[in-house]
């Protein structure tokens, strides 16, 4: 399929609905392979358009767009990378990597030495390829999350 021509920009309030839709589709179509329906439903409730709108006020959120359509999102919450999701039809085409490059650039600008990502089982290999190392497992009931870290090279 090759790479998609994507643009990464800061998310705006009017992106909330599109961001929510991308996250819900990714959860239902991609993460559902690794997690039970109960877990997916619980996570879905955290990413309604209203919930996403709240997050936009608290985190640095980016979107990847392709021809004006939001195809991916990622956010930085202090030094923690959160809500990295790519629409199912746009996965494995460099979109997630592009978003992560923007997250890293932002973290470096803010002199953040270590990025932490609570990875889903689904995304672990994606982060590992980007240089993240698994530190420990975390459980929320039966939902397993792999806490991963990446040291940002000192630019000096």
N, C-alpha and C. Protein backbone atom coordinates (compact mmCIF):
# COMPACT_ATOMS: atom_id res chain seq x y z
N UNK A 1 0.81 -1.21 0.00
CA UNK A 1 0.00 0.00 0.00
C UNK A 1 0.85 1.27 0.00
N UNK A 2 1.99 1.20 0.65
CA UNK A 2 2.89 2.34 0.63
C UNK A 2 2.45 3.43 1.59
N UNK A 3 3.22 4.52 1.62
CA UNK A 3 2.94 5.58 2.57
C UNK A 3 1.82 6.46 2.09
N UNK A 4 1.10 7.02 3.04
CA UNK A 4 0.04 7.95 2.74
C UNK A 4 0.61 9.33 2.83
N UNK A 5 0.12 10.22 1.97
CA UNK A 5 0.53 11.61 2.08
C UNK A 5 -0.27 12.21 3.24
N UNK A 6 0.41 12.42 4.33
CA UNK A 6 -0.28 12.91 5.51
C UNK A 6 0.33 14.19 6.01
N UNK A 7 -0.50 14.98 6.67
CA UNK A 7 -0.03 16.19 7.33
C UNK A 7 -0.37 16.06 8.81
N UNK A 8 0.58 16.40 9.67
CA UNK A 8 0.31 16.37 11.10
C UNK A 8 0.18 17.81 11.57
N UNK A 9 -0.88 18.08 12.31
CA UNK A 9 -1.09 19.42 12.87
C UNK A 9 -1.69 19.30 14.27
N UNK A 10 -1.70 20.43 14.98
CA UNK A 10 -2.33 20.45 16.30
C UNK A 10 -3.83 20.28 16.12
N UNK A 11 -4.44 19.53 17.03
CA UNK A 11 -5.88 19.31 16.97
C UNK A 11 -6.61 20.57 17.39
N UNK A 12 -7.76 20.80 16.76
CA UNK A 12 -8.62 21.92 17.12
C UNK A 12 -9.89 21.35 17.76
N UNK A 13 -10.62 22.22 18.44
CA UNK A 13 -11.85 21.76 19.11
C UNK A 13 -12.81 21.11 18.13
N UNK A 14 -12.88 21.64 16.90
CA UNK A 14 -13.85 21.06 15.95
C UNK A 14 -13.38 19.72 15.36
N UNK A 15 -12.20 19.24 15.80
CA UNK A 15 -11.74 17.90 15.39
C UNK A 15 -12.25 16.81 16.35
N UNK A 16 -12.84 17.21 17.47
CA UNK A 16 -13.18 16.25 18.52
C UNK A 16 -14.01 15.07 18.01
N UNK A 17 -15.01 15.35 17.20
CA UNK A 17 -15.87 14.28 16.67
C UNK A 17 -15.09 13.32 15.79
N UNK A 18 -14.22 13.89 14.93
CA UNK A 18 -13.42 13.06 14.02
C UNK A 18 -12.41 12.22 14.80
N UNK A 19 -11.79 12.82 15.81
CA UNK A 19 -10.82 12.10 16.63
C UNK A 19 -11.51 10.94 17.34
N UNK A 20 -12.68 11.21 17.92
CA UNK A 20 -13.45 10.17 18.59
C UNK A 20 -13.75 9.02 17.62
N UNK A 21 -14.18 9.36 16.41
CA UNK A 21 -14.54 8.34 15.41
C UNK A 21 -13.34 7.47 15.04
N UNK A 22 -12.17 8.08 14.88
CA UNK A 22 -10.95 7.33 14.55
C UNK A 22 -10.61 6.37 15.70
N UNK A 23 -10.66 6.87 16.94
CA UNK A 23 -10.32 6.03 18.10
C UNK A 23 -11.29 4.86 18.22
N UNK A 24 -12.59 5.13 18.09
CA UNK A 24 -13.57 4.06 18.25
C UNK A 24 -13.43 3.00 17.15
N UNK A 25 -13.16 3.44 15.92
CA UNK A 25 -12.98 2.47 14.84
C UNK A 25 -11.73 1.63 15.07
N UNK A 26 -10.65 2.28 15.51
CA UNK A 26 -9.41 1.53 15.76
C UNK A 26 -9.63 0.52 16.88
N UNK A 27 -10.33 0.93 17.93
CA UNK A 27 -10.59 0.01 19.04
C UNK A 27 -11.40 -1.19 18.57
N UNK A 28 -12.47 -0.91 17.83
CA UNK A 28 -13.38 -1.98 17.40
C UNK A 28 -12.75 -2.92 16.39
N UNK A 29 -11.94 -2.36 15.49
CA UNK A 29 -11.43 -3.18 14.39
C UNK A 29 -10.02 -3.72 14.63
N UNK A 30 -9.21 -2.98 15.39
CA UNK A 30 -7.81 -3.39 15.56
C UNK A 30 -7.56 -3.99 16.94
N UNK A 31 -7.90 -3.24 18.00
CA UNK A 31 -7.61 -3.70 19.35
C UNK A 31 -8.51 -4.86 19.78
N UNK A 32 -9.64 -5.03 19.11
CA UNK A 32 -10.58 -6.09 19.47
C UNK A 32 -9.95 -7.48 19.34
N UNK A 33 -8.87 -7.58 18.56
CA UNK A 33 -8.18 -8.87 18.41
C UNK A 33 -7.50 -9.28 19.72
N UNK A 34 -7.11 -8.28 20.52
CA UNK A 34 -6.30 -8.54 21.72
C UNK A 34 -7.04 -8.33 23.04
N UNK A 35 -8.23 -7.77 22.96
CA UNK A 35 -8.95 -7.44 24.18
C UNK A 35 -10.40 -7.91 24.11
N UNK A 36 -10.97 -8.17 25.29
CA UNK A 36 -12.37 -8.61 25.34
C UNK A 36 -13.31 -7.46 25.00
N UNK A 37 -14.53 -7.81 24.63
CA UNK A 37 -15.55 -6.81 24.30
C UNK A 37 -15.82 -5.87 25.49
N UNK A 38 -15.76 -6.43 26.71
CA UNK A 38 -16.01 -5.61 27.90
C UNK A 38 -14.96 -4.51 28.02
N UNK A 39 -13.72 -4.90 27.80
CA UNK A 39 -12.63 -3.91 27.90
C UNK A 39 -12.80 -2.85 26.82
N UNK A 40 -13.05 -3.29 25.58
CA UNK A 40 -13.22 -2.34 24.47
C UNK A 40 -14.35 -1.36 24.78
N UNK A 41 -15.47 -1.88 25.29
CA UNK A 41 -16.60 -1.00 25.62
C UNK A 41 -16.25 0.01 26.69
N UNK A 42 -15.49 -0.44 27.70
CA UNK A 42 -15.10 0.47 28.77
C UNK A 42 -14.20 1.58 28.23
N UNK A 43 -13.24 1.19 27.39
CA UNK A 43 -12.32 2.18 26.82
C UNK A 43 -13.08 3.14 25.90
N UNK A 44 -14.02 2.60 25.13
CA UNK A 44 -14.81 3.44 24.21
C UNK A 44 -15.49 4.59 24.93
N UNK A 45 -16.01 4.30 26.13
CA UNK A 45 -16.73 5.35 26.86
C UNK A 45 -15.82 6.52 27.20
N UNK A 46 -14.52 6.27 27.30
CA UNK A 46 -13.58 7.37 27.61
C UNK A 46 -13.29 8.25 26.40
N UNK A 47 -13.75 7.85 25.23
CA UNK A 47 -13.38 8.58 24.01
C UNK A 47 -14.57 9.05 23.18
N UNK A 48 -15.66 9.41 23.87
CA UNK A 48 -16.79 10.03 23.17
C UNK A 48 -16.31 11.40 22.68
N UNK A 49 -17.02 12.02 21.72
CA UNK A 49 -16.61 13.36 21.27
C UNK A 49 -16.47 14.34 22.44
N UNK A 50 -17.38 14.28 23.41
CA UNK A 50 -17.29 15.19 24.57
C UNK A 50 -16.04 14.93 25.39
N UNK A 51 -15.73 13.64 25.61
CA UNK A 51 -14.55 13.28 26.38
C UNK A 51 -13.28 13.76 25.67
N UNK A 52 -13.27 13.61 24.34
CA UNK A 52 -12.11 14.05 23.55
C UNK A 52 -11.96 15.57 23.66
N UNK A 53 -13.07 16.27 23.62
CA UNK A 53 -13.05 17.73 23.73
C UNK A 53 -12.41 18.15 25.06
N UNK A 54 -12.75 17.44 26.14
CA UNK A 54 -12.13 17.71 27.45
C UNK A 54 -10.61 17.49 27.39
N UNK A 55 -10.21 16.40 26.73
CA UNK A 55 -8.78 16.08 26.64
C UNK A 55 -8.02 17.16 25.88
N UNK A 56 -8.66 17.74 24.86
CA UNK A 56 -7.99 18.77 24.07
C UNK A 56 -7.56 19.95 24.94
N UNK A 57 -8.30 20.18 26.03
CA UNK A 57 -7.94 21.28 26.92
C UNK A 57 -6.80 20.93 27.85
N UNK A 58 -6.55 19.64 28.04
CA UNK A 58 -5.58 19.21 29.05
C UNK A 58 -4.27 18.66 28.50
N UNK A 59 -4.28 18.29 27.23
CA UNK A 59 -3.09 17.67 26.64
C UNK A 59 -2.72 18.35 25.34
N UNK A 60 -1.53 18.05 24.86
CA UNK A 60 -1.14 18.51 23.53
C UNK A 60 -1.55 17.41 22.57
N UNK A 61 -2.56 17.69 21.77
CA UNK A 61 -3.11 16.67 20.89
C UNK A 61 -2.79 16.99 19.43
N UNK A 62 -2.35 15.97 18.70
CA UNK A 62 -2.07 16.13 17.27
C UNK A 62 -3.01 15.25 16.46
N UNK A 63 -3.27 15.67 15.24
CA UNK A 63 -4.00 14.81 14.31
C UNK A 63 -3.19 14.69 13.03
N UNK A 64 -3.34 13.53 12.38
CA UNK A 64 -2.78 13.33 11.05
C UNK A 64 -3.96 13.39 10.09
N UNK A 65 -3.83 14.20 9.05
CA UNK A 65 -4.91 14.29 8.09
C UNK A 65 -4.42 13.88 6.71
N UNK A 66 -5.35 13.34 5.95
CA UNK A 66 -5.06 12.91 4.59
C UNK A 66 -6.22 13.44 3.75
N UNK A 67 -5.91 14.38 2.88
CA UNK A 67 -6.96 14.99 2.07
C UNK A 67 -8.06 15.58 2.92
N UNK A 68 -7.68 16.18 4.05
CA UNK A 68 -8.68 16.83 4.89
C UNK A 68 -9.37 15.90 5.88
N UNK A 69 -9.16 14.58 5.74
CA UNK A 69 -9.80 13.63 6.64
C UNK A 69 -8.84 13.29 7.78
N UNK A 70 -9.35 13.28 9.01
CA UNK A 70 -8.52 12.89 10.16
C UNK A 70 -8.34 11.38 10.11
N UNK A 71 -7.08 10.92 9.98
CA UNK A 71 -6.81 9.48 9.89
C UNK A 71 -6.02 8.95 11.08
N UNK A 72 -5.60 9.87 11.98
CA UNK A 72 -4.85 9.41 13.14
C UNK A 72 -4.75 10.50 14.18
N UNK A 73 -4.42 10.10 15.40
CA UNK A 73 -4.26 11.07 16.49
C UNK A 73 -3.22 10.56 17.48
N UNK A 74 -2.59 11.48 18.18
CA UNK A 74 -1.64 11.14 19.24
C UNK A 74 -1.60 12.33 20.18
N UNK A 75 -1.31 12.08 21.45
CA UNK A 75 -1.23 13.21 22.36
C UNK A 75 -0.11 13.05 23.38
N UNK A 76 0.30 14.19 23.90
CA UNK A 76 1.38 14.23 24.89
C UNK A 76 0.80 14.85 26.15
N UNK A 77 0.92 14.11 27.26
CA UNK A 77 0.38 14.51 28.54
C UNK A 77 1.57 14.57 29.48
N UNK A 78 2.20 15.74 29.58
CA UNK A 78 3.47 15.83 30.32
C UNK A 78 4.51 15.06 29.54
N UNK A 79 5.05 13.99 30.13
CA UNK A 79 6.04 13.18 29.41
C UNK A 79 5.44 11.84 28.98
N UNK A 80 4.11 11.74 29.09
CA UNK A 80 3.43 10.48 28.76
C UNK A 80 2.73 10.61 27.41
N UNK A 81 2.99 9.63 26.54
CA UNK A 81 2.35 9.59 25.23
C UNK A 81 1.02 8.86 25.41
N UNK A 82 -0.07 9.47 24.96
CA UNK A 82 -1.38 8.84 25.13
C UNK A 82 -2.18 8.88 23.83
N UNK A 83 -3.20 8.05 23.81
CA UNK A 83 -4.17 8.01 22.70
C UNK A 83 -3.55 8.10 21.31
N UNK A 84 -2.66 7.16 21.03
CA UNK A 84 -2.12 7.07 19.68
C UNK A 84 -2.99 6.06 18.94
N UNK A 85 -3.77 6.56 17.99
CA UNK A 85 -4.67 5.69 17.23
C UNK A 85 -4.65 6.09 15.77
N UNK A 86 -4.70 5.10 14.90
CA UNK A 86 -4.76 5.35 13.46
C UNK A 86 -5.97 4.61 12.91
N UNK A 87 -6.71 5.27 12.03
CA UNK A 87 -7.89 4.64 11.44
C UNK A 87 -7.50 3.32 10.78
N UNK A 88 -8.33 2.29 10.93
CA UNK A 88 -7.98 0.95 10.41
C UNK A 88 -7.55 0.94 8.94
N UNK A 89 -8.23 1.73 8.10
CA UNK A 89 -7.86 1.71 6.67
C UNK A 89 -6.58 2.49 6.37
N UNK A 90 -6.03 3.16 7.40
CA UNK A 90 -4.80 3.92 7.19
C UNK A 90 -3.62 3.33 7.96
N UNK A 91 -3.84 2.18 8.61
CA UNK A 91 -2.77 1.59 9.42
C UNK A 91 -1.66 0.99 8.56
N UNK A 92 -0.47 0.89 9.16
CA UNK A 92 0.71 0.31 8.51
C UNK A 92 1.11 1.09 7.27
N UNK A 93 0.86 2.39 7.30
CA UNK A 93 1.25 3.23 6.17
C UNK A 93 2.02 4.46 6.61
N UNK A 94 2.67 4.35 7.77
CA UNK A 94 3.54 5.43 8.21
C UNK A 94 2.87 6.55 8.99
N UNK A 95 1.54 6.45 9.18
CA UNK A 95 0.81 7.52 9.86
C UNK A 95 1.20 7.60 11.33
N UNK A 96 1.22 6.44 12.00
CA UNK A 96 1.58 6.42 13.42
C UNK A 96 3.00 6.90 13.65
N UNK A 97 3.87 6.53 12.75
CA UNK A 97 5.28 6.92 12.85
C UNK A 97 5.42 8.45 12.73
N UNK A 98 4.66 9.02 11.80
CA UNK A 98 4.66 10.46 11.58
C UNK A 98 4.17 11.19 12.84
N UNK A 99 3.10 10.67 13.44
CA UNK A 99 2.56 11.27 14.66
C UNK A 99 3.58 11.18 15.79
N UNK A 100 4.24 10.03 15.91
CA UNK A 100 5.22 9.85 16.98
C UNK A 100 6.43 10.76 16.78
N UNK A 101 6.79 11.04 15.54
CA UNK A 101 7.91 11.95 15.26
C UNK A 101 7.56 13.35 15.77
N UNK A 102 6.31 13.74 15.58
CA UNK A 102 5.85 15.06 16.06
C UNK A 102 5.83 15.10 17.58
N UNK A 103 5.41 14.02 18.21
CA UNK A 103 5.40 13.92 19.68
C UNK A 103 6.84 14.05 20.21
N UNK A 104 7.77 13.33 19.58
CA UNK A 104 9.17 13.38 20.03
C UNK A 104 9.75 14.78 19.86
N UNK A 105 9.44 15.41 18.73
CA UNK A 105 9.95 16.77 18.47
C UNK A 105 9.46 17.71 19.56
N UNK A 106 8.18 17.60 19.89
CA UNK A 106 7.57 18.44 20.92
C UNK A 106 8.21 18.18 22.29
N UNK A 107 8.43 16.90 22.61
CA UNK A 107 9.04 16.54 23.89
C UNK A 107 10.46 17.11 24.00
N UNK A 108 11.21 17.02 22.90
CA UNK A 108 12.57 17.56 22.91
C UNK A 108 12.56 19.06 23.13
N UNK A 109 11.63 19.75 22.46
CA UNK A 109 11.50 21.20 22.63
C UNK A 109 11.23 21.55 24.08
N UNK A 110 10.52 20.67 24.77
CA UNK A 110 10.17 20.92 26.18
C UNK A 110 11.19 20.32 27.13
N UNK A 111 12.32 19.85 26.59
CA UNK A 111 13.38 19.26 27.40
C UNK A 111 12.91 18.08 28.23
N UNK A 112 12.02 17.29 27.67
CA UNK A 112 11.56 16.08 28.36
C UNK A 112 12.57 14.98 28.07
N UNK A 113 13.22 14.41 29.11
CA UNK A 113 14.30 13.43 28.86
C UNK A 113 13.83 12.03 28.49
N UNK A 114 12.67 11.64 29.03
CA UNK A 114 12.19 10.27 28.80
C UNK A 114 10.72 10.31 28.45
N UNK A 115 10.35 9.64 27.37
CA UNK A 115 8.94 9.51 27.01
C UNK A 115 8.45 8.18 27.54
N UNK A 116 7.27 8.17 28.14
CA UNK A 116 6.66 6.94 28.63
C UNK A 116 5.38 6.72 27.83
N UNK A 117 5.13 5.48 27.46
CA UNK A 117 3.87 5.18 26.79
C UNK A 117 3.24 3.94 27.41
N UNK A 118 1.97 4.08 27.89
CA UNK A 118 1.26 2.90 28.35
C UNK A 118 0.69 2.23 27.09
N UNK A 119 1.36 1.21 26.59
CA UNK A 119 0.98 0.60 25.32
C UNK A 119 -0.05 -0.50 25.48
N UNK A 120 -0.96 -0.55 24.52
CA UNK A 120 -1.86 -1.70 24.46
C UNK A 120 -1.03 -2.90 24.00
N UNK A 121 -1.54 -4.08 24.23
CA UNK A 121 -0.88 -5.29 23.73
C UNK A 121 -0.76 -5.16 22.21
N UNK A 122 -1.79 -4.60 21.60
CA UNK A 122 -1.86 -4.43 20.14
C UNK A 122 -0.69 -3.61 19.58
N UNK A 123 -0.31 -2.55 20.30
CA UNK A 123 0.67 -1.59 19.76
C UNK A 123 2.11 -1.84 20.20
N UNK A 124 2.33 -2.86 21.02
CA UNK A 124 3.66 -3.06 21.60
C UNK A 124 4.76 -3.14 20.54
N UNK A 125 4.55 -3.90 19.48
CA UNK A 125 5.61 -4.02 18.46
C UNK A 125 5.84 -2.70 17.73
N UNK A 126 4.77 -1.92 17.54
CA UNK A 126 4.88 -0.60 16.91
C UNK A 126 5.84 0.28 17.71
N UNK A 127 5.63 0.35 19.03
CA UNK A 127 6.51 1.19 19.86
C UNK A 127 7.92 0.62 19.96
N UNK A 128 8.02 -0.69 20.01
CA UNK A 128 9.34 -1.32 20.09
C UNK A 128 10.18 -0.94 18.86
N UNK A 129 9.54 -0.90 17.70
CA UNK A 129 10.26 -0.52 16.48
C UNK A 129 10.72 0.93 16.51
N UNK A 130 10.02 1.76 17.32
CA UNK A 130 10.39 3.17 17.43
C UNK A 130 11.40 3.40 18.56
N UNK A 131 11.90 2.30 19.16
CA UNK A 131 12.94 2.44 20.18
C UNK A 131 12.44 2.44 21.61
N UNK A 132 11.17 2.16 21.81
CA UNK A 132 10.65 2.07 23.18
C UNK A 132 10.95 0.69 23.76
N UNK A 133 11.25 0.67 25.05
CA UNK A 133 11.55 -0.60 25.73
C UNK A 133 10.48 -0.86 26.79
N UNK A 134 10.03 -2.11 26.88
CA UNK A 134 9.04 -2.45 27.90
C UNK A 134 9.68 -2.37 29.28
N UNK A 135 9.02 -1.69 30.21
CA UNK A 135 9.54 -1.52 31.56
C UNK A 135 8.80 -2.44 32.53
N UNK A 136 7.46 -2.45 32.42
CA UNK A 136 6.67 -3.31 33.29
C UNK A 136 5.25 -3.43 32.73
N UNK A 137 4.53 -4.38 33.28
CA UNK A 137 3.12 -4.54 32.91
C UNK A 137 2.27 -3.84 33.95
N UNK A 138 1.14 -3.34 33.50
CA UNK A 138 0.20 -2.70 34.40
C UNK A 138 -1.17 -3.32 34.10
N UNK A 139 -1.96 -3.53 35.13
CA UNK A 139 -3.28 -4.13 34.91
C UNK A 139 -4.37 -3.24 35.48
N UNK A 140 -5.42 -3.09 34.69
CA UNK A 140 -6.62 -2.39 35.15
C UNK A 140 -7.67 -3.48 35.09
N UNK A 141 -7.89 -4.18 36.20
CA UNK A 141 -8.73 -5.38 36.15
C UNK A 141 -8.02 -6.37 35.25
N UNK A 142 -8.69 -6.83 34.21
CA UNK A 142 -8.08 -7.82 33.31
C UNK A 142 -7.44 -7.17 32.08
N UNK A 143 -7.39 -5.84 32.06
CA UNK A 143 -6.84 -5.14 30.90
C UNK A 143 -5.34 -4.93 31.08
N UNK A 144 -4.56 -5.61 30.25
CA UNK A 144 -3.10 -5.51 30.36
C UNK A 144 -2.56 -4.37 29.52
N UNK A 145 -1.75 -3.55 30.15
CA UNK A 145 -1.07 -2.45 29.47
C UNK A 145 0.42 -2.65 29.69
N UNK A 146 1.21 -2.43 28.65
CA UNK A 146 2.67 -2.55 28.79
C UNK A 146 3.24 -1.14 28.88
N UNK A 147 3.87 -0.85 30.02
CA UNK A 147 4.47 0.47 30.20
C UNK A 147 5.83 0.44 29.49
N UNK A 148 6.00 1.35 28.52
CA UNK A 148 7.24 1.37 27.73
C UNK A 148 7.88 2.75 27.83
N UNK A 149 9.20 2.78 27.69
CA UNK A 149 9.92 4.06 27.79
C UNK A 149 10.92 4.21 26.67
N UNK A 150 11.18 5.45 26.33
CA UNK A 150 12.23 5.75 25.36
C UNK A 150 12.99 6.97 25.85
N UNK A 151 14.32 6.82 25.96
CA UNK A 151 15.16 7.95 26.32
C UNK A 151 15.32 8.82 25.08
N UNK A 152 15.11 10.12 25.23
CA UNK A 152 15.33 11.02 24.10
C UNK A 152 16.78 11.45 24.16
N UNK A 153 17.46 11.24 23.07
CA UNK A 153 18.89 11.58 23.03
C UNK A 153 19.06 13.05 23.34
N UNK A 154 20.00 13.33 24.19
CA UNK A 154 20.30 14.72 24.52
C UNK A 154 20.77 15.42 23.26
N UNK A 155 20.05 16.46 22.80
CA UNK A 155 20.47 17.11 21.55
C UNK A 155 21.79 17.85 21.69
N UNK A 156 22.21 18.16 22.94
CA UNK A 156 23.47 18.91 23.14
C UNK A 156 24.68 18.07 22.74
